[in-house]
Amino acid sequence: MQQIIRKTELDKLTVLKDKNLIKVVTGVRRAGKSTLLLQFQELLKAGNPNVALISINIDLPEFRFLAEKNWKDIYDYIKIRLQDNVMNYVFIDEIQNISEFEKLLEGLFVTPNVDLYVTGSNAYLLSSELATLLTGRAFEINILPFSFAEYLEFTGKSANPDRAFTEYMRRGGFPEAVGLAESSENLAYAYLKTVFRNIYENDIQKRHTIYYETSYIEVVNFLIDSIGSTVSSGNMAKVLTANGKKIDNKTVSKYIDTLVESYLFYQVTRYDIKGRQHLATQEKYYPVDLGLRYALLGKEFAADTGHLLENIVYLELQRRNSQVWIGKADNLEVDFVVRDKNGYTKYIQVAYTVKDPKTLERELAPFTKIPDFNERLLITMDYETGSHNGVKQMNAIDWLLT
C-alpha cells in the first residue's frame, strides 16, 4: 500500500494559498482530511524549509489540553507563536470541537499575516449563523473516501480493474478500511462499524437530542437500503411504524438532517427539466461510502448492483465539482441532471447492464422527453459502447478512470 496524493484537492489548496479566504476542508470522519492538510504542509516545506507553520489537532495527545480551553485561550496560544513580517500558515483539525469556534475563526481571519486552513466533520461549519459570518470569507473543499482511480493506485490493482471494481463496490473507499480489507474483509467491516459509531457519538449525539437510538439506526438502515429510490420522511415513518418501530415524520426528517449534516449521506433534490424548476419533494440520499452499507446491513451487493453503481457515479460527479439533481421529464426520471464546473449541462442514466433490449428501451426512454440538445450519457458495466440516437453509451470503469 502506498500513500495517495490527493492531487485535485492539493491543487485547489495551492491555488488558494495566500488568498484572503479561510480554507475549509469538510467531509466525513476518516476520509482523509487531516492527511490532505499534512500533504499540503509538506508542499509548503518543500517550497520553503523555513516556512512558518502552526498546526493543531485537538485529537492528538499533545494538544488535548487545548480541548478544555475557550476560543480566546486558543487564539492567544496561536497568536504568541506567529512570526513577524512573514506569512503564517495556521492549520486546525476538527475545528467544530472547539467551543465557539466561529469566534476563533473570525479572530484569526482578521489577524495580519495569517493564512488559515481548517477541517470539519460537520456541515454546521458552513450553515446557519456561521454561514452568515463566513459569507465571502470561506472556500469549502469537500473530500470523499477514495475514488475508484485512487483505490486502484492505493491497492496496486490497476492491471485488473474489473475484479478490483467488484471489490470496490463491496469494500468502499475509506483509506484505513481499504488497507484492512487486503488482510481481512471482516476486519474492514468491523472498522467501518467503529467509524459509524464514532460519527454517531461525536458528530450527532453530542449536537442533537436522539430520543431512541434504535429508531435512529432504523432510519440509517432504511436510507442505506433505499439507494437509488426517492424518499420522503412521511412514507419512511409509515413503513417503520408498520414494522413495529413507531416514529413520526418530523423525527424522521430531523434524523435525516443530522445524517446529511455529518456527511454520512448526500441529499439530491429533483429538477423538472421541462419546467426548469427545482422540486421540493421526493429526494434521494446517497451514502458517502458503499462499504458502510455492507458493514451496517451485512447485505450482499449482487441483488442491487444497478443502484450501487448509481451511488458510485453520483460520488464521482461530486469529486468532479459538478452540481447534480434528479431529473424529471414528464412522468419519467433521469438519474442525474449534471451541471459541470464549466457550466455545461448533461443528462446521465445509470444501469448495470442494458443487454436486454427491453432494459435498454426503458433506460433510453427518459431522454426522448428532454426538449434540448445537451449531452446525454448512458453509463453501464457492459463492454459495448456506441450511440443510440445521440445517447452515448459508455462503460462505467472507463468513465470512472477518464
Protein backbone atom coordinates (compact mmCIF):
# COMPACT_ATOMS: atom_id res chain seq x y z
CA MET A 1 0.00 0.00 0.00
CA GLN A 2 1.19 3.49 -0.75
CA GLN A 3 0.07 6.92 0.36
CA ILE A 4 -2.28 8.51 -2.14
CA ILE A 5 -1.63 12.10 -3.09
CA ARG A 6 -4.99 13.85 -3.30
CA LYS A 7 -3.90 15.84 -6.33
CA THR A 8 -7.24 17.51 -7.12
CA GLU A 9 -7.66 18.83 -3.59
CA LEU A 10 -3.97 19.77 -3.27
CA ASP A 11 -4.19 21.73 -6.50
CA LYS A 12 -7.12 23.69 -5.06
CA LEU A 13 -5.22 24.44 -1.88
CA THR A 14 -2.21 25.54 -3.91
CA VAL A 15 -4.33 27.95 -5.97
CA LEU A 16 -5.95 29.32 -2.80
CA LYS A 17 -2.65 29.71 -0.94
CA ASP A 18 -2.18 33.25 0.43
CA LYS A 19 -5.66 34.26 -0.73
CA ASN A 20 -7.69 36.18 1.83
CA LEU A 21 -10.03 33.25 2.47
CA ILE A 22 -10.46 30.61 5.15
CA LYS A 23 -9.83 27.27 3.51
CA VAL A 24 -12.38 24.83 5.00
CA VAL A 25 -11.80 21.13 4.26
CA THR A 26 -15.01 19.27 5.00
CA GLY A 27 -16.13 15.67 4.80
CA VAL A 28 -16.99 12.57 6.76
CA ARG A 29 -14.61 11.45 9.51
CA ARG A 30 -11.70 9.22 8.42
CA ALA A 31 -11.96 10.21 4.76
CA GLY A 32 -8.50 11.78 4.73
CA LYS A 33 -8.94 15.45 5.67
CA SER A 34 -6.04 15.52 8.13
CA THR A 35 -3.80 13.64 5.68
CA LEU A 36 -4.62 16.18 2.98
CA LEU A 37 -3.52 19.07 5.20
CA LEU A 38 -0.33 17.21 6.13
CA GLN A 39 0.41 16.69 2.44
CA PHE A 40 -0.13 20.40 1.82
CA GLN A 41 2.18 21.28 4.70
CA GLU A 42 4.87 19.10 3.09
CA LEU A 43 4.41 21.03 -0.14
CA LEU A 44 4.87 24.30 1.75
CA LYS A 45 8.04 22.99 3.40
CA ALA A 46 9.39 21.80 0.05
CA GLY A 47 8.99 25.32 -1.30
CA ASN A 48 10.48 26.94 1.80
CA PRO A 49 12.14 24.85 4.55
CA ASN A 50 11.76 27.78 6.96
CA VAL A 51 8.06 28.35 6.31
CA ALA A 52 6.08 29.46 9.38
CA LEU A 53 3.65 26.64 10.20
CA ILE A 54 1.33 26.23 13.17
CA SER A 55 -0.67 23.00 13.17
CA ILE A 56 -3.19 21.99 15.84
CA ASN A 57 -5.11 18.73 16.05
CA ILE A 58 -7.02 18.56 19.30
CA ASP A 59 -7.48 14.81 18.88
CA LEU A 60 -3.72 14.33 19.36
CA PRO A 61 -2.40 13.89 22.93
CA GLU A 62 -0.02 16.85 22.72
CA PHE A 63 -2.94 19.21 22.04
CA ARG A 64 -5.52 17.57 24.28
CA PHE A 65 -5.05 20.30 26.89
CA LEU A 66 -6.49 22.81 24.42
CA ALA A 67 -9.78 20.90 24.25
CA GLU A 68 -10.78 22.33 27.63
CA LYS A 69 -9.81 25.88 26.71
CA ASN A 70 -12.17 28.52 25.37
CA TRP A 71 -11.74 30.04 21.93
CA LYS A 72 -9.86 33.10 23.27
CA ASP A 73 -7.27 30.92 25.04
CA ILE A 74 -6.65 29.02 21.82
CA TYR A 75 -6.43 32.27 19.88
CA ASP A 76 -3.81 33.55 22.34
CA TYR A 77 -1.93 30.22 22.10
CA ILE A 78 -1.69 30.69 18.33
CA LYS A 79 -1.07 34.44 18.43
CA ILE A 80 2.10 34.27 20.53
CA ARG A 81 3.53 31.68 18.11
CA LEU A 82 3.06 33.82 15.00
CA GLN A 83 6.24 35.08 13.36
CA ASP A 84 6.56 38.73 12.45
CA ASN A 85 6.78 40.02 8.88
CA VAL A 86 6.11 36.66 7.20
CA MET A 87 3.00 34.75 6.21
CA ASN A 88 2.00 32.27 8.92
CA TYR A 89 0.13 29.16 7.78
CA VAL A 90 -2.26 28.05 10.53
CA PHE A 91 -3.92 24.61 10.42
CA ILE A 92 -6.65 23.49 12.84
CA ASP A 93 -8.11 19.99 12.61
CA GLU A 94 -11.76 19.30 13.52
CA ILE A 95 -12.49 22.91 14.32
CA GLN A 96 -16.07 22.11 15.42
CA ASN A 97 -14.68 20.51 18.59
CA ILE A 98 -13.68 23.95 19.88
CA SER A 99 -16.34 25.82 21.81
CA GLU A 100 -17.44 28.98 19.96
CA PHE A 101 -15.05 28.09 17.15
CA GLU A 102 -16.67 30.72 14.90
CA LYS A 103 -15.18 33.46 17.10
CA LEU A 104 -11.77 31.82 16.83
CA LEU A 105 -12.07 31.71 13.04
CA GLU A 106 -13.14 35.33 12.86
CA GLY A 107 -10.30 36.42 15.15
CA LEU A 108 -7.65 34.59 13.13
CA PHE A 109 -9.15 35.75 9.83
CA VAL A 110 -8.63 39.43 10.71
CA THR A 111 -5.15 38.85 12.18
CA PRO A 112 -2.45 40.13 9.76
CA ASN A 113 -0.16 37.61 8.04
CA VAL A 114 -2.31 34.56 8.79
CA ASP A 115 -3.35 32.11 6.09
CA LEU A 116 -5.95 29.86 7.75
CA TYR A 117 -6.82 26.23 6.98
CA VAL A 118 -9.32 24.18 8.99
CA THR A 119 -11.05 20.80 8.75
CA GLY A 120 -14.52 19.87 9.93
CA SER A 121 -16.67 16.75 10.02
CA ASN A 122 -19.94 18.58 10.39
CA ALA A 123 -21.81 20.67 7.84
CA TYR A 124 -22.69 23.18 10.58
CA LEU A 125 -19.34 24.72 9.71
CA LEU A 126 -20.91 26.29 6.64
CA SER A 127 -24.54 26.53 7.72
CA SER A 128 -26.91 28.81 9.60
CA GLU A 129 -25.26 31.51 11.71
CA LEU A 130 -21.74 30.57 10.69
CA ALA A 131 -22.60 30.81 7.01
CA THR A 132 -23.57 34.44 7.57
CA LEU A 133 -20.33 35.06 9.45
CA LEU A 134 -18.19 33.46 6.76
CA THR A 135 -20.00 34.78 3.69
CA GLY A 136 -17.31 35.77 1.21
CA ARG A 137 -14.61 34.67 3.64
CA ALA A 138 -14.51 30.89 3.28
CA PHE A 139 -13.88 28.41 0.49
CA GLU A 140 -15.07 24.84 1.04
CA ILE A 141 -13.19 21.80 -0.24
CA ASN A 142 -15.24 18.67 0.35
CA ILE A 143 -13.23 15.46 0.49
CA LEU A 144 -14.66 11.98 -0.02
CA PRO A 145 -13.27 8.49 0.58
CA PHE A 146 -11.11 7.09 -2.24
CA SER A 147 -12.41 7.26 -5.79
CA PHE A 148 -12.06 4.10 -7.85
CA ALA A 149 -8.93 5.51 -9.51
CA GLU A 150 -7.43 6.17 -6.06
CA TYR A 151 -8.48 2.69 -4.91
CA LEU A 152 -6.54 1.15 -7.81
CA GLU A 153 -3.50 3.28 -7.06
CA PHE A 154 -3.62 2.52 -3.34
CA THR A 155 -4.01 -1.25 -3.78
CA GLY A 156 -1.79 -1.57 -6.85
CA LYS A 157 -4.52 -3.41 -8.76
CA SER A 158 -4.58 -1.33 -11.93
CA ALA A 159 -3.76 -4.39 -14.06
CA ASN A 160 -7.14 -5.98 -13.30
CA PRO A 161 -9.65 -3.14 -12.84
CA ASP A 162 -12.76 -5.28 -13.44
CA ARG A 163 -12.05 -7.54 -10.48
CA ALA A 164 -10.93 -4.59 -8.38
CA PHE A 165 -14.20 -2.78 -9.14
CA THR A 166 -16.21 -5.65 -7.70
CA GLU A 167 -14.14 -5.32 -4.51
CA TYR A 168 -14.57 -1.53 -4.53
CA MET A 169 -18.36 -1.81 -4.71
CA ARG A 170 -18.29 -4.06 -1.65
CA ARG A 171 -15.49 -2.52 0.41
CA GLY A 172 -15.86 1.16 -0.36
CA GLY A 173 -13.06 3.71 -0.22
CA PHE A 174 -12.31 4.65 3.40
CA PRO A 175 -8.48 4.55 3.33
CA GLU A 176 -7.99 2.52 6.51
CA ALA A 177 -10.76 0.08 5.59
CA VAL A 178 -9.24 -0.49 2.15
CA GLY A 179 -5.92 -1.39 3.76
CA LEU A 180 -7.53 -3.71 6.31
CA ALA A 181 -9.63 -5.45 3.66
CA GLU A 182 -6.48 -6.70 1.94
CA SER A 183 -5.87 -8.82 5.04
CA SER A 184 -9.46 -9.46 6.10
CA GLU A 185 -12.74 -8.01 4.89
CA ASN A 186 -14.27 -8.79 8.28
CA LEU A 187 -11.67 -6.54 9.92
CA ALA A 188 -12.50 -3.80 7.43
CA TYR A 189 -16.22 -4.02 8.19
CA ALA A 190 -15.56 -4.05 11.93
CA TYR A 191 -13.50 -0.88 11.44
CA LEU A 192 -16.31 0.75 9.44
CA LYS A 193 -18.75 0.00 12.23
CA THR A 194 -16.45 1.85 14.65
CA VAL A 195 -16.27 4.76 12.19
CA PHE A 196 -20.06 4.98 12.17
CA ARG A 197 -20.21 4.70 15.96
CA ASN A 198 -17.61 7.46 16.30
CA ILE A 199 -19.59 9.74 13.98
CA TYR A 200 -22.81 8.98 15.83
CA GLU A 201 -21.32 9.69 19.26
CA ASN A 202 -19.19 12.73 18.35
CA ASP A 203 -20.90 14.47 15.45
CA ILE A 204 -24.54 13.59 16.03
CA GLN A 205 -25.38 12.58 19.60
CA LYS A 206 -23.43 15.46 21.15
CA ARG A 207 -25.21 18.03 18.98
CA HIS A 208 -28.73 16.68 18.77
CA THR A 209 -31.25 15.03 21.04
CA ILE A 210 -31.72 11.44 19.90
CA TYR A 211 -34.61 10.02 21.90
CA TYR A 212 -34.34 6.39 20.82
CA GLU A 213 -31.10 5.10 19.36
CA THR A 214 -32.82 2.01 17.95
CA SER A 215 -35.20 4.19 15.91
CA TYR A 216 -32.28 6.28 14.72
CA ILE A 217 -30.45 3.18 13.50
CA GLU A 218 -33.62 2.06 11.72
CA VAL A 219 -33.65 5.35 9.80
CA VAL A 220 -29.98 4.87 8.89
CA ASN A 221 -30.61 1.33 7.67
CA PHE A 222 -33.71 2.39 5.73
CA LEU A 223 -31.74 5.06 3.85
CA ILE A 224 -28.85 2.72 3.13
CA ASP A 225 -31.30 0.14 1.82
CA SER A 226 -33.03 2.75 -0.37
CA ILE A 227 -30.12 3.75 -2.61
CA GLY A 228 -31.47 4.99 -5.90
CA SER A 229 -35.05 5.37 -4.63
CA THR A 230 -36.81 8.62 -3.85
CA VAL A 231 -37.55 9.02 -0.16
CA SER A 232 -39.99 11.05 1.90
CA SER A 233 -39.95 11.28 5.67
CA GLY A 234 -43.71 10.66 5.76
CA ASN A 235 -43.52 7.40 3.84
CA MET A 236 -40.48 6.28 5.81
CA ALA A 237 -42.32 6.93 9.08
CA LYS A 238 -45.31 4.89 7.85
CA VAL A 239 -43.13 1.94 6.82
CA LEU A 240 -41.13 1.92 10.07
CA THR A 241 -44.27 2.28 12.19
CA ALA A 242 -45.94 -0.57 10.29
CA ASN A 243 -42.87 -2.69 11.08
CA GLY A 244 -43.25 -2.02 14.80
CA LYS A 245 -40.82 0.92 15.02
CA LYS A 246 -43.21 3.75 15.91
CA ILE A 247 -41.82 7.10 14.75
CA ASP A 248 -43.34 10.29 13.32
CA ASN A 249 -42.32 12.04 10.13
CA LYS A 250 -40.88 15.10 11.92
CA THR A 251 -38.49 12.88 13.86
CA VAL A 252 -37.52 11.02 10.69
CA SER A 253 -36.87 14.33 8.94
CA LYS A 254 -34.74 15.55 11.85
CA TYR A 255 -32.71 12.34 11.90
CA ILE A 256 -32.10 12.53 8.15
CA ASP A 257 -30.89 16.12 8.54
CA THR A 258 -28.31 15.02 11.12
CA LEU A 259 -27.03 12.29 8.77
CA VAL A 260 -26.60 14.78 5.93
CA GLU A 261 -25.01 17.30 8.29
CA SER A 262 -22.38 14.75 9.33
CA TYR A 263 -21.61 13.89 5.67
CA LEU A 264 -22.78 10.28 6.05
CA PHE A 265 -25.35 10.89 3.31
CA TYR A 266 -25.66 13.34 0.43
CA GLN A 267 -29.10 14.66 -0.45
CA VAL A 268 -30.03 15.08 -4.12
CA THR A 269 -33.14 17.07 -4.98
CA ARG A 270 -35.31 16.77 -8.07
CA TYR A 271 -35.36 19.09 -11.06
CA ASP A 272 -38.18 19.46 -13.58
CA ILE A 273 -36.29 19.55 -16.89
CA LYS A 274 -39.16 20.86 -19.00
CA GLY A 275 -40.44 23.33 -16.40
CA ARG A 276 -36.87 24.34 -15.47
CA GLN A 277 -37.63 24.44 -11.77
CA HIS A 278 -36.43 22.71 -8.65
CA LEU A 279 -38.87 20.45 -6.84
CA ALA A 280 -39.14 20.27 -3.06
CA THR A 281 -40.20 16.66 -2.53
CA GLN A 282 -39.06 13.08 -3.14
CA GLU A 283 -35.31 13.49 -2.71
CA LYS A 284 -32.73 10.74 -2.98
CA TYR A 285 -29.99 10.06 -0.44
CA TYR A 286 -26.65 8.51 -1.34
CA PRO A 287 -24.34 7.14 1.39
CA VAL A 288 -20.83 8.56 1.38
CA ASP A 289 -19.32 5.07 1.05
CA LEU A 290 -20.69 1.70 -0.01
CA GLY A 291 -18.50 -0.14 2.48
CA LEU A 292 -20.75 1.26 5.21
CA ARG A 293 -23.73 -0.42 3.54
CA TYR A 294 -22.26 -3.87 3.88
CA ALA A 295 -20.80 -3.17 7.33
CA LEU A 296 -24.10 -1.94 8.78
CA LEU A 297 -26.60 -4.09 6.88
CA GLY A 298 -24.49 -7.14 6.12
CA LYS A 299 -26.13 -7.35 2.70
CA GLU A 300 -24.51 -8.77 -0.40
CA PHE A 301 -24.34 -6.24 -3.20
CA ALA A 302 -25.34 -8.56 -6.05
CA ALA A 303 -29.08 -8.03 -5.60
CA ASP A 304 -28.92 -4.26 -6.12
CA THR A 305 -25.92 -3.66 -8.35
CA GLY A 306 -27.64 -1.06 -10.54
CA HIS A 307 -28.36 1.27 -7.63
CA LEU A 308 -24.91 0.71 -6.14
CA LEU A 309 -23.35 1.70 -9.45
CA GLU A 310 -25.60 4.77 -9.43
CA ASN A 311 -24.21 5.66 -5.99
CA ILE A 312 -20.63 5.38 -7.23
CA VAL A 313 -21.40 7.57 -10.26
CA TYR A 314 -23.01 10.21 -8.03
CA LEU A 315 -19.98 10.39 -5.72
CA GLU A 316 -17.65 10.66 -8.72
CA LEU A 317 -19.72 13.58 -10.06
CA GLN A 318 -19.27 15.24 -6.67
CA ARG A 319 -15.50 14.74 -6.92
CA ARG A 320 -15.58 16.41 -10.33
CA ASN A 321 -17.15 19.56 -8.87
CA SER A 322 -20.49 19.03 -10.57
CA GLN A 323 -23.89 20.22 -9.43
CA VAL A 324 -26.24 17.25 -9.50
CA TRP A 325 -30.03 16.85 -9.45
CA ILE A 326 -32.50 14.05 -10.18
CA GLY A 327 -34.23 14.85 -13.46
CA LYS A 328 -37.98 14.75 -14.02
CA ALA A 329 -39.11 14.60 -17.65
CA ASP A 330 -42.90 14.32 -17.75
CA ASN A 331 -43.64 11.13 -15.81
CA LEU A 332 -40.15 9.65 -16.33
CA GLU A 333 -36.96 10.06 -14.31
CA VAL A 334 -33.46 10.87 -15.47
CA ASP A 335 -30.95 9.59 -12.93
CA PHE A 336 -28.80 12.71 -12.98
CA VAL A 337 -29.02 16.21 -14.38
CA VAL A 338 -25.44 17.44 -14.18
CA ARG A 339 -24.00 20.93 -14.47
CA ASP A 340 -20.23 20.65 -14.66
CA LYS A 341 -17.64 23.10 -13.37
CA ASN A 342 -17.68 24.94 -16.71
CA GLY A 343 -21.44 25.47 -16.59
CA TYR A 344 -22.41 22.88 -19.19
CA THR A 345 -25.44 20.65 -18.61
CA LYS A 346 -25.64 16.95 -19.40
CA TYR A 347 -28.04 14.12 -18.63
CA ILE A 348 -26.91 10.75 -17.29
CA GLN A 349 -28.66 7.41 -16.96
CA VAL A 350 -27.01 4.58 -15.00
CA ALA A 351 -27.78 0.88 -15.39
CA TYR A 352 -25.68 -2.15 -14.54
CA THR A 353 -26.47 -3.76 -17.90
CA VAL A 354 -28.68 -2.98 -20.89
CA LYS A 355 -28.06 -6.17 -22.84
CA ASP A 356 -31.77 -6.95 -22.62
CA PRO A 357 -33.48 -4.85 -25.36
CA LYS A 358 -36.38 -4.02 -23.02
CA THR A 359 -33.96 -2.70 -20.38
CA LEU A 360 -32.17 -0.59 -22.99
CA GLU A 361 -35.50 0.80 -24.19
CA ARG A 362 -36.50 1.66 -20.61
CA GLU A 363 -33.22 3.44 -19.87
CA LEU A 364 -33.33 5.45 -23.10
CA ALA A 365 -36.99 6.47 -22.76
CA PRO A 366 -36.44 9.47 -20.43
CA PHE A 367 -34.02 11.04 -22.90
CA THR A 368 -36.80 11.24 -25.53
CA LYS A 369 -38.76 13.56 -23.21
CA ILE A 370 -35.96 16.13 -22.95
CA PRO A 371 -36.54 19.11 -25.27
CA ASP A 372 -32.96 20.42 -25.50
CA PHE A 373 -29.88 19.00 -27.19
CA ASN A 374 -27.45 18.84 -24.30
CA GLU A 375 -25.17 15.82 -23.96
CA ARG A 376 -26.84 12.52 -22.99
CA LEU A 377 -24.85 9.68 -21.47
CA LEU A 378 -25.76 6.09 -20.58
CA ILE A 379 -23.27 4.53 -18.14
CA THR A 380 -23.30 0.73 -17.76
CA MET A 381 -20.97 -2.12 -16.86
CA ASP A 382 -21.40 -3.57 -20.34
CA TYR A 383 -18.34 -3.62 -22.57
CA GLU A 384 -20.45 -2.49 -25.52
CA THR A 385 -20.26 1.22 -26.27
CA GLY A 386 -21.61 3.37 -29.06
CA SER A 387 -24.54 5.69 -29.66
CA HIS A 388 -28.32 5.31 -29.51
CA ASN A 389 -29.96 8.21 -31.37
CA GLY A 390 -27.49 10.67 -29.91
CA VAL A 391 -27.19 8.99 -26.49
CA LYS A 392 -23.60 7.92 -25.87
CA GLN A 393 -23.19 4.58 -24.09
CA MET A 394 -20.02 4.22 -22.03
CA ASN A 395 -18.51 1.56 -19.78
CA ALA A 396 -18.59 2.65 -16.13
CA ILE A 397 -14.97 1.72 -15.39
CA ASP A 398 -13.78 3.64 -18.46
CA TRP A 399 -15.84 6.64 -17.35
CA LEU A 400 -14.53 6.49 -13.78
CA LEU A 401 -10.92 6.33 -14.96
CA THR A 402 -11.24 9.01 -17.64
